[in-house]
N, C-alpha and C. Protein backbone atom coordinates (compact mmCIF):
# COMPACT_ATOMS: atom_id res chain seq x y z
N UNK A 1 -1.80 -6.95 -6.75
CA UNK A 1 -3.13 -5.87 -7.24
C UNK A 1 -3.88 -5.11 -5.29
N UNK A 2 -3.40 -4.07 -4.94
CA UNK A 2 -3.67 -4.02 -3.50
C UNK A 2 -5.17 -3.14 -3.92
N UNK A 3 -5.62 -2.40 -2.44
CA UNK A 3 -6.82 -1.91 -2.91
C UNK A 3 -6.81 -0.27 -2.40
N UNK A 4 -7.59 0.22 -2.88
CA UNK A 4 -7.95 1.51 -3.07
C UNK A 4 -8.41 1.83 -2.39
N UNK A 5 -7.92 2.65 -1.15
CA UNK A 5 -9.17 3.19 -0.47
C UNK A 5 -9.82 4.16 -0.60
N UNK A 6 -9.79 4.70 -1.68
CA UNK A 6 -11.05 6.06 -1.73
C UNK A 6 -11.62 4.92 -2.69
N UNK A 7 -11.11 3.76 -3.19
CA UNK A 7 -12.26 3.15 -4.07
C UNK A 7 -13.07 2.18 -2.88
N UNK A 8 -12.85 2.14 -1.83
CA UNK A 8 -13.35 0.40 -1.23
C UNK A 8 -14.54 1.39 -0.38
N UNK A 9 -15.90 0.18 -0.29
CA UNK A 9 -17.39 0.84 0.22
C UNK A 9 -17.07 1.77 0.87
N UNK A 10 -18.22 2.41 1.84
CA UNK A 10 -18.43 2.71 2.76
C UNK A 10 -19.08 1.91 3.51
N UNK A 11 -19.67 0.91 3.51
CA UNK A 11 -20.69 0.65 3.90
C UNK A 11 -20.04 -1.11 4.35
N UNK A 12 -20.67 -1.66 5.69
CA UNK A 12 -20.79 -3.19 6.10
C UNK A 12 -22.14 -3.33 5.80
N UNK A 13 -22.10 -4.52 5.04
CA UNK A 13 -23.59 -5.08 4.68
C UNK A 13 -22.81 -7.10 5.35
N UNK A 14 -23.84 -6.97 6.29
CA UNK A 14 -24.03 -8.80 6.88
C UNK A 14 -25.36 -9.41 6.18
N UNK A 15 -25.15 -10.14 5.50
CA UNK A 15 -26.26 -11.05 5.27
C UNK A 15 -26.19 -12.57 6.18
N UNK A 16 -27.83 -13.17 6.04
CA UNK A 16 -27.88 -13.86 7.26
C UNK A 16 -28.48 -15.18 6.88
N UNK A 17 -28.80 -15.77 6.86
CA UNK A 17 -30.00 -16.85 6.62
C UNK A 17 -30.09 -18.50 7.91
N UNK A 18 -31.71 -18.55 8.29
CA UNK A 18 -31.44 -19.49 8.98
C UNK A 18 -31.44 -20.90 8.43
N UNK A 19 -30.76 -21.89 9.09
CA UNK A 19 -31.02 -23.34 8.33
C UNK A 19 -31.02 -23.99 9.76
N UNK A 20 -32.43 -24.83 9.65
CA UNK A 20 -32.96 -25.30 10.87
C UNK A 20 -33.78 -26.46 10.59
N UNK A 21 -34.11 -27.74 10.56
CA UNK A 21 -35.05 -28.95 10.96
C UNK A 21 -36.13 -28.62 11.32
N UNK A 22 -36.23 -27.17 12.21
CA UNK A 22 -37.71 -26.70 12.94
C UNK A 22 -38.71 -26.50 12.07
N UNK A 23 -40.06 -26.56 11.94
CA UNK A 23 -40.79 -26.40 10.95
C UNK A 23 -40.71 -24.74 10.80
N UNK A 24 -40.79 -24.33 12.45
CA UNK A 24 -41.12 -22.21 12.07
C UNK A 24 -40.04 -21.80 11.52
N UNK A 25 -39.11 -22.37 11.73
CA UNK A 25 -37.89 -21.21 10.83
C UNK A 25 -37.87 -22.27 9.20
N UNK A 26 -38.51 -23.04 9.13
CA UNK A 26 -37.94 -23.26 6.74
C UNK A 26 -38.42 -22.42 6.37
N UNK A 27 -39.65 -21.40 6.97
CA UNK A 27 -39.98 -20.08 6.04
C UNK A 27 -38.77 -19.00 6.15
N UNK A 28 -38.66 -18.68 7.15
CA UNK A 28 -37.40 -18.10 7.34
C UNK A 28 -36.82 -17.33 6.02
N UNK A 29 -36.78 -15.83 5.42
CA UNK A 29 -36.67 -15.61 4.29
C UNK A 29 -34.56 -15.12 5.13
N UNK A 30 -33.97 -14.93 4.04
CA UNK A 30 -32.49 -14.13 4.49
C UNK A 30 -33.08 -13.09 4.81
N UNK A 31 -32.12 -12.24 5.74
CA UNK A 31 -31.81 -11.04 5.77
C UNK A 31 -30.60 -10.49 5.56
N UNK A 32 -30.49 -9.07 5.22
CA UNK A 32 -29.49 -8.50 5.04
C UNK A 32 -30.08 -6.86 6.47
N UNK A 33 -28.00 -6.75 6.53
CA UNK A 33 -28.42 -5.21 7.36
C UNK A 33 -27.52 -4.55 6.75
N UNK A 34 -27.37 -3.07 6.23
CA UNK A 34 -26.12 -2.42 6.01
C UNK A 34 -25.86 -0.96 6.85
N UNK A 35 -24.51 -1.26 7.05
CA UNK A 35 -24.48 -0.04 8.47
C UNK A 35 -22.66 0.86 7.20
N UNK A 36 -23.08 1.89 7.58
CA UNK A 36 -21.50 2.71 7.18
C UNK A 36 -20.88 2.28 8.57
N UNK A 37 -19.80 2.57 7.82
CA UNK A 37 -18.24 2.15 8.59
C UNK A 37 -18.58 3.04 9.96
N UNK A 38 -18.82 3.98 10.32
CA UNK A 38 -19.16 4.86 11.16
C UNK A 38 -20.06 4.79 12.41
N UNK A 39 -21.16 4.25 11.70
CA UNK A 39 -22.67 3.25 12.27
C UNK A 39 -21.56 2.29 13.11
N UNK A 40 -21.01 1.60 12.06
CA UNK A 40 -20.81 0.46 13.07
C UNK A 40 -20.20 0.30 14.01
N UNK A 41 -19.37 1.00 13.83
CA UNK A 41 -18.29 1.67 15.01
C UNK A 41 -19.62 1.72 15.69
N UNK A 42 -19.90 2.61 15.87
CA UNK A 42 -20.97 3.04 17.38
C UNK A 42 -22.32 1.94 18.02
N UNK A 43 -21.86 1.18 16.49
CA UNK A 43 -23.61 0.61 17.29
C UNK A 43 -22.65 -1.14 17.93
N UNK A 44 -23.36 -0.95 19.19
CA UNK A 44 -22.41 -2.24 20.26
C UNK A 44 -23.01 -3.50 20.14
N UNK A 45 -24.51 -3.16 19.75
CA UNK A 45 -25.50 -4.21 19.45
C UNK A 45 -25.21 -5.21 18.73
N UNK A 46 -24.54 -4.97 17.53
CA UNK A 46 -24.15 -5.68 16.55
C UNK A 46 -22.79 -6.23 16.39
N UNK A 47 -22.28 -5.37 17.09
CA UNK A 47 -20.09 -5.44 17.75
C UNK A 47 -20.83 -7.32 18.13
N UNK A 48 -21.63 -7.42 19.47
CA UNK A 48 -21.50 -8.00 19.70
C UNK A 48 -21.70 -9.27 19.39
N UNK A 49 -22.85 -9.16 18.55
CA UNK A 49 -23.34 -10.21 17.38
C UNK A 49 -22.45 -10.97 16.52
N UNK A 50 -21.50 -10.08 15.81
CA UNK A 50 -20.30 -10.22 15.15
C UNK A 50 -19.41 -11.28 15.82
N UNK A 51 -18.96 -10.50 17.10
CA UNK A 51 -18.02 -11.28 18.19
C UNK A 51 -18.44 -12.84 18.29
N UNK A 52 -20.25 -12.32 18.69
CA UNK A 52 -20.67 -13.93 19.05
C UNK A 52 -20.41 -15.13 17.71
N UNK A 53 -21.16 -14.81 16.82
CA UNK A 53 -21.13 -15.10 15.43
C UNK A 53 -19.72 -15.83 14.94
N UNK A 54 -18.58 -14.70 14.67
CA UNK A 54 -17.21 -15.17 13.82
C UNK A 54 -16.28 -14.86 15.17
N UNK A 55 -16.38 -14.54 16.30
CA UNK A 55 -15.43 -14.41 16.99
C UNK A 55 -14.71 -13.12 16.99
N UNK A 56 -13.82 -12.89 17.84
CA UNK A 56 -12.98 -11.41 18.38
C UNK A 56 -12.25 -11.21 17.38
N UNK A 57 -11.38 -12.11 16.73
CA UNK A 57 -10.73 -11.67 15.93
C UNK A 57 -11.02 -11.07 14.73
N UNK A 58 -12.47 -11.42 13.91
CA UNK A 58 -13.03 -10.86 13.05
C UNK A 58 -13.67 -9.54 13.21
N UNK A 59 -14.13 -9.24 14.77
CA UNK A 59 -14.45 -8.07 14.50
C UNK A 59 -13.26 -7.17 15.03
N UNK A 60 -12.11 -7.48 15.25
CA UNK A 60 -10.81 -6.59 15.33
C UNK A 60 -11.05 -6.91 13.91
N UNK A 61 -11.12 -6.97 12.81
CA UNK A 61 -10.44 -7.29 11.51
C UNK A 61 -11.49 -6.03 10.90
N UNK A 62 -12.40 -6.04 11.56
CA UNK A 62 -13.88 -5.72 11.00
C UNK A 62 -13.73 -4.14 10.83
N UNK A 63 -13.31 -3.80 12.85
CA UNK A 63 -12.81 -2.67 13.23
C UNK A 63 -11.92 -1.65 12.25
N UNK A 64 -10.66 -2.36 12.21
CA UNK A 64 -9.35 -2.27 11.62
C UNK A 64 -10.13 -1.72 10.07
N UNK A 65 -10.53 -2.36 9.33
CA UNK A 65 -11.27 -2.10 7.77
C UNK A 65 -12.25 -0.57 8.08
N UNK A 66 -13.10 -0.39 8.81
CA UNK A 66 -13.76 0.32 9.20
C UNK A 66 -13.17 1.38 9.66
N UNK A 67 -11.85 1.34 9.95
CA UNK A 67 -10.79 2.63 10.20
C UNK A 67 -10.03 2.80 9.24
N UNK A 68 -9.95 2.23 8.20
CA UNK A 68 -9.42 2.58 7.18
C UNK A 68 -7.57 1.73 7.02
N UNK A 69 -7.71 0.51 8.16
CA UNK A 69 -6.50 -0.16 8.61
C UNK A 69 -6.58 -1.54 7.42
N UNK A 70 -5.99 -1.28 6.10
CA UNK A 70 -5.81 -2.15 5.64
C UNK A 70 -4.70 -3.23 6.04
N UNK A 71 -4.47 -4.63 6.14
CA UNK A 71 -3.44 -5.36 6.32
C UNK A 71 -3.38 -6.05 4.70
N UNK A 72 -2.61 -5.52 4.08
CA UNK A 72 -1.82 -5.93 2.60
C UNK A 72 -1.32 -7.06 2.90
N UNK A 73 -0.67 -7.53 4.08
CA UNK A 73 0.53 -8.87 3.83
C UNK A 73 -0.71 -9.93 4.08
N UNK A 74 -1.77 -9.96 5.11
CA UNK A 74 -2.61 -10.71 5.18
C UNK A 74 -3.36 -11.31 3.85
N UNK A 75 -3.36 -10.64 2.91
CA UNK A 75 -3.83 -10.82 1.52
C UNK A 75 -2.83 -11.41 0.38
N UNK A 76 -1.93 -11.39 0.99
CA UNK A 76 -0.63 -11.85 -0.26
C UNK A 76 -0.62 -13.70 0.09
N UNK A 77 -0.35 -14.43 -0.99
CA UNK A 77 -0.57 -15.74 -0.85
C UNK A 77 0.76 -16.07 -0.28
N UNK A 78 0.85 -17.47 0.43
CA UNK A 78 1.60 -17.84 1.02
C UNK A 78 3.24 -17.77 0.44
N UNK A 79 2.68 -18.67 -0.76
CA UNK A 79 4.04 -18.82 -1.87
C UNK A 79 5.03 -17.37 -1.63
N UNK A 80 3.99 -15.98 -2.10
CA UNK A 80 4.54 -15.08 -2.63
C UNK A 80 5.61 -14.71 -1.49
N UNK A 81 4.28 -14.65 -0.19
CA UNK A 81 4.83 -14.17 0.97
C UNK A 81 6.58 -14.82 1.17
N UNK A 82 6.77 -16.37 0.81
CA UNK A 82 7.89 -16.80 1.35
C UNK A 82 9.33 -16.75 0.18
N UNK A 83 8.67 -16.22 -1.13
CA UNK A 83 9.44 -15.71 -1.39
C UNK A 83 10.23 -14.48 -1.27
N UNK A 84 9.40 -13.26 -0.67
CA UNK A 84 9.37 -11.80 -0.09
C UNK A 84 10.61 -12.07 1.26
N UNK A 85 10.28 -13.05 2.35
CA UNK A 85 11.07 -13.56 3.41
C UNK A 85 12.18 -14.34 3.10
N UNK A 86 12.67 -14.61 1.90
CA UNK A 86 13.92 -14.89 1.38
C UNK A 86 14.65 -13.87 1.38
N UNK A 87 14.19 -12.90 1.32
CA UNK A 87 15.17 -11.55 1.17
C UNK A 87 15.36 -10.91 2.23
N UNK A 88 15.22 -11.46 3.31
CA UNK A 88 15.44 -10.70 4.47
C UNK A 88 16.26 -11.45 5.45
N UNK A 89 17.33 -10.69 6.17
CA UNK A 89 18.16 -11.39 6.99
C UNK A 89 18.04 -12.06 8.11
N UNK A 90 18.15 -13.25 8.42
CA UNK A 90 18.05 -14.57 9.29
C UNK A 90 17.19 -13.69 11.20
N UNK A 91 18.38 -12.42 11.06
CA UNK A 91 18.10 -11.70 12.49
C UNK A 91 16.12 -11.47 11.77
N UNK A 92 16.02 -11.38 10.88
CA UNK A 92 14.56 -10.31 10.51
C UNK A 92 13.71 -11.45 10.26
N UNK A 93 13.69 -12.65 10.27
CA UNK A 93 13.25 -13.78 9.86
C UNK A 93 12.61 -13.85 11.47
N UNK A 94 13.67 -14.14 12.12
CA UNK A 94 13.24 -14.18 14.00
C UNK A 94 11.99 -13.55 13.93
N UNK A 95 12.50 -12.02 14.13
CA UNK A 95 11.82 -10.87 14.70
C UNK A 95 10.30 -11.33 13.71
N UNK A 96 9.98 -11.59 12.64
CA UNK A 96 9.15 -11.63 12.14
C UNK A 96 7.89 -13.13 12.09
N UNK A 97 8.86 -13.94 12.38
CA UNK A 97 8.31 -15.21 13.28
C UNK A 97 7.11 -14.88 14.56
N UNK A 98 7.69 -14.01 14.74
CA UNK A 98 7.20 -13.53 16.67
C UNK A 98 5.78 -12.51 15.79
N UNK A 99 5.68 -12.35 14.79
CA UNK A 99 4.29 -11.11 14.92
C UNK A 99 2.96 -12.11 14.88
N UNK A 100 3.03 -13.19 14.25
CA UNK A 100 1.47 -13.32 13.85
C UNK A 100 1.51 -15.14 13.90
N UNK A 101 0.80 -15.94 13.70
CA UNK A 101 0.51 -17.20 14.28
C UNK A 101 1.18 -17.42 12.66
N UNK A 102 0.79 -16.91 11.64
CA UNK A 102 0.79 -16.50 10.23
C UNK A 102 2.27 -17.13 10.38
N UNK A 103 2.84 -16.03 10.27
CA UNK A 103 3.91 -15.60 10.15
C UNK A 103 5.00 -16.67 10.97
N UNK A 104 4.75 -17.01 11.90
CA UNK A 104 5.49 -18.12 12.44
C UNK A 104 5.45 -19.29 11.95
N UNK A 105 4.57 -19.98 11.53
CA UNK A 105 4.25 -20.71 10.12
C UNK A 105 5.42 -20.51 9.28
N UNK A 106 5.42 -19.92 8.66
CA UNK A 106 6.02 -19.43 7.30
C UNK A 106 7.23 -19.19 7.96
N UNK A 107 7.99 -18.77 8.75
CA UNK A 107 9.51 -18.61 9.55
C UNK A 107 9.76 -20.13 9.53
N UNK A 108 9.35 -20.79 9.72
CA UNK A 108 9.52 -22.04 10.36
C UNK A 108 9.36 -23.16 9.07
N UNK A 109 8.76 -23.08 8.02
CA UNK A 109 8.49 -23.83 7.36
C UNK A 109 9.87 -24.86 6.22
N UNK A 110 9.83 -25.83 6.06
CA UNK A 110 10.61 -26.22 4.87
C UNK A 110 10.49 -25.92 3.81
N UNK A 111 9.84 -25.17 3.59
CA UNK A 111 9.88 -24.17 2.01
C UNK A 111 10.52 -23.69 2.17
N UNK A 112 10.63 -22.79 3.16
CA UNK A 112 11.65 -21.47 2.81
C UNK A 112 13.12 -21.79 3.39
N UNK A 113 13.12 -22.88 4.29
CA UNK A 113 14.18 -22.80 4.92
C UNK A 113 15.08 -23.82 3.87
N UNK A 114 14.24 -24.58 2.72
CA UNK A 114 14.88 -25.36 1.23
C UNK A 114 15.32 -23.90 0.64
N UNK A 115 15.03 -22.80 0.68
CA UNK A 115 14.99 -21.71 -0.31
C UNK A 115 16.25 -20.90 -0.05
N UNK A 116 16.12 -21.12 1.30
CA UNK A 116 17.46 -20.44 2.20
C UNK A 116 18.58 -21.15 2.13
N UNK A 117 18.57 -22.13 1.98
CA UNK A 117 19.72 -23.31 2.12
C UNK A 117 19.99 -23.56 0.76
N UNK A 118 19.50 -23.54 -0.39
CA UNK A 118 19.86 -23.15 -1.83
C UNK A 118 20.61 -22.10 -2.35
N UNK A 119 20.03 -20.88 -1.28
CA UNK A 119 20.90 -19.55 -2.05
C UNK A 119 21.62 -19.28 -1.62
N UNK A 120 22.33 -20.32 0.11
CA UNK A 120 23.74 -20.20 0.43
C UNK A 120 25.13 -21.45 0.22
N UNK A 121 24.24 -22.47 -0.72
CA UNK A 121 25.23 -23.57 -1.35
C UNK A 121 25.24 -23.09 -2.81
N UNK A 122 26.55 -23.66 -2.95
CA UNK A 122 26.58 -23.78 -4.50
C UNK A 122 26.09 -25.20 -5.16
N UNK A 123 25.87 -26.29 -4.39
CA UNK A 123 24.97 -27.46 -4.73
C UNK A 123 24.41 -28.25 -3.45
N UNK A 124 23.55 -28.81 -3.75
CA UNK A 124 22.82 -30.02 -3.10
C UNK A 124 23.38 -30.99 -3.21
N UNK A 125 23.61 -31.74 -2.74
CA UNK A 125 23.85 -33.28 -3.28
C UNK A 125 22.95 -33.97 -1.98
N UNK A 126 22.73 -34.53 -3.15
CA UNK A 126 21.60 -36.21 -2.42
C UNK A 126 21.62 -36.39 -1.06
N UNK A 127 23.11 -36.24 -0.38
CA UNK A 127 23.18 -37.08 0.84
C UNK A 127 22.83 -35.30 1.69
N UNK A 128 22.46 -34.43 1.36
CA UNK A 128 21.89 -33.20 2.06
C UNK A 128 20.45 -33.75 2.23
N UNK A 129 20.00 -33.66 0.80
CA UNK A 129 18.18 -33.47 0.70
C UNK A 129 17.99 -34.55 1.34
N UNK A 130 18.80 -36.09 1.61
CA UNK A 130 18.28 -37.00 2.61
C UNK A 130 18.55 -36.52 4.18
N UNK A 131 19.37 -36.00 4.40
CA UNK A 131 19.88 -35.06 5.72
C UNK A 131 18.64 -33.99 6.35
N UNK A 132 18.31 -33.48 5.09
CA UNK A 132 17.08 -32.31 4.79
C UNK A 132 15.67 -32.92 5.37
N UNK A 133 15.51 -34.31 4.30
CA UNK A 133 14.23 -35.05 4.65
C UNK A 133 14.29 -35.51 6.13
N UNK A 134 15.36 -36.11 6.71
CA UNK A 134 14.88 -36.40 8.21
C UNK A 134 15.18 -35.49 9.58
N UNK A 135 15.16 -34.79 9.40
CA UNK A 135 15.89 -33.43 10.20
C UNK A 135 15.21 -32.07 9.85
N UNK A 136 14.82 -31.89 8.65
CA UNK A 136 14.50 -30.39 8.00
C UNK A 136 15.38 -29.76 7.61
N UNK A 137 15.01 -29.00 6.77
CA UNK A 137 16.09 -27.56 6.08
C UNK A 137 16.39 -26.88 6.99
N UNK A 138 15.15 -26.48 8.29
CA UNK A 138 15.47 -25.56 8.97
C UNK A 138 16.60 -25.84 9.61
N UNK A 139 16.72 -26.88 10.16
CA UNK A 139 17.29 -27.29 11.48
C UNK A 139 18.92 -27.72 10.98
N UNK A 140 18.70 -28.40 10.01
CA UNK A 140 19.91 -28.55 8.95
C UNK A 140 20.78 -27.16 8.48
N UNK A 141 20.09 -26.33 8.19
CA UNK A 141 20.65 -25.21 8.03
C UNK A 141 20.99 -24.83 9.61
N UNK A 142 20.57 -23.93 10.60
CA UNK A 142 20.96 -23.96 11.66
C UNK A 142 22.13 -24.58 12.26
N UNK A 143 22.42 -26.19 12.60
CA UNK A 143 22.83 -26.70 12.97
C UNK A 143 24.70 -26.10 11.96
N UNK A 144 23.94 -26.56 10.72
CA UNK A 144 25.45 -26.04 9.93
C UNK A 144 25.81 -24.68 10.53
N UNK A 145 25.07 -23.87 10.42
CA UNK A 145 25.62 -22.46 10.99
C UNK A 145 26.50 -22.79 11.99
N UNK A 146 25.79 -23.07 12.88
CA UNK A 146 26.56 -23.12 14.43
C UNK A 146 27.75 -24.17 14.50
N UNK A 147 27.76 -24.90 13.82
CA UNK A 147 29.38 -25.49 13.15
C UNK A 147 30.22 -24.87 12.30
N UNK A 148 29.50 -24.19 12.07
CA UNK A 148 31.02 -23.49 11.12
C UNK A 148 31.15 -22.31 11.96
N UNK A 149 30.71 -21.42 13.13
CA UNK A 149 30.59 -20.54 13.69
C UNK A 149 31.82 -21.52 14.65
N UNK A 150 31.37 -22.73 15.21
CA UNK A 150 32.42 -22.97 16.53
C UNK A 150 34.02 -22.71 15.55
N UNK A 151 33.85 -23.47 14.09
CA UNK A 151 35.12 -23.94 13.28
C UNK A 151 35.99 -21.98 12.92
N UNK A 152 35.04 -21.56 13.06
CA UNK A 152 35.46 -20.22 12.84
C UNK A 152 36.25 -19.24 14.23
N UNK A 153 35.40 -19.62 15.34
CA UNK A 153 36.33 -19.26 16.89
C UNK A 153 37.13 -19.99 16.63
N UNK A 154 37.22 -21.26 16.58
CA UNK A 154 38.32 -22.05 16.77
C UNK A 154 39.91 -21.82 15.80
N UNK A 155 39.45 -21.12 14.58
CA UNK A 155 40.75 -21.03 13.86
C UNK A 155 40.98 -19.99 14.44
N UNK A 156 40.19 -18.47 14.72
CA UNK A 156 40.57 -17.11 14.97
C UNK A 156 41.25 -17.44 16.33
N UNK A 157 41.07 -18.18 17.55
CA UNK A 157 41.59 -18.77 18.24
C UNK A 157 43.30 -19.10 17.99
N UNK A 158 43.15 -19.99 16.95
CA UNK A 158 44.71 -20.70 16.62
C UNK A 158 45.58 -19.54 16.40
N UNK A 159 44.75 -18.59 15.41
CA UNK A 159 45.43 -17.53 14.86
C UNK A 159 46.06 -16.42 15.84
N UNK A 160 45.44 -16.66 16.99
CA UNK A 160 45.47 -15.36 18.07
C UNK A 160 47.08 -15.74 18.87
N UNK A 161 46.74 -17.11 19.27
CA UNK A 161 48.01 -17.97 19.50
C UNK A 161 49.48 -18.16 19.30
N UNK A 162 48.76 -18.42 17.92
CA UNK A 162 50.15 -18.29 17.00
C UNK A 162 50.74 -16.95 17.19
N UNK A 163 50.35 -15.64 16.64
CA UNK A 163 50.26 -14.46 16.64
C UNK A 163 51.12 -14.21 18.00
N UNK A 164 50.26 -14.38 19.38
CA UNK A 164 51.55 -14.37 20.68
C UNK A 164 52.33 -15.29 20.59
N UNK A 165 52.69 -16.25 20.24
CA UNK A 165 53.85 -16.85 20.46
C UNK A 165 54.93 -16.52 19.77
N UNK A 166 54.73 -15.85 18.33
CA UNK A 166 55.51 -15.02 17.70
C UNK A 166 55.79 -13.77 18.30
N UNK A 167 55.42 -12.93 19.35
CA UNK A 167 55.77 -12.08 19.81
C UNK A 167 56.40 -12.19 20.57
C-alpha cells in the first residue's frame, strides 16, 4: 500500500518530553509543536534541533517528505525487496548495491544469492548446499560463473583453432 500525496498531512508534528533524575525536571510536561511543511522548510532553528537530536539523515528525510519526495522503496520489507531484486540482471544488482547501504546489504545477502542459484540451477545437491554454507551462496555463484566463462572461452578457442587447421 503506497502513500497518496494528496492525503498526506500538510503538517509536521514534533513531540517531546524530558526524562531526568533531576528534581527540577520531574514536573516537566510533554511538549508539542506543529509546523506546516513550508514553515518547517523556512525554520532553520527547528531544523538545527532536528539535526542535533535525530541526525542529518533524518533531517534530509524530513526535507524530502516536506518537498513531496517519498521514498517508497525504503518502506518495503527486506523480504519483498529480495523478491524484486531476484528479477534483476546481475549488472543491475551490482549497480543497485552501490545506491545505499541498505541495498548493498541486500544485494550481497546469502538469501538473495541462494534464490539466484536456485533459479539458475535445475537441482541443488547436498554437496552444493554444504559448499554454499562454507563459502556463501554469492561466492559460490560467482566462482561457478567465472569457471563457466573460462570453459566457454577455451571451447571457443579450440573451435577457432580447428577451423583454422581445416582452412
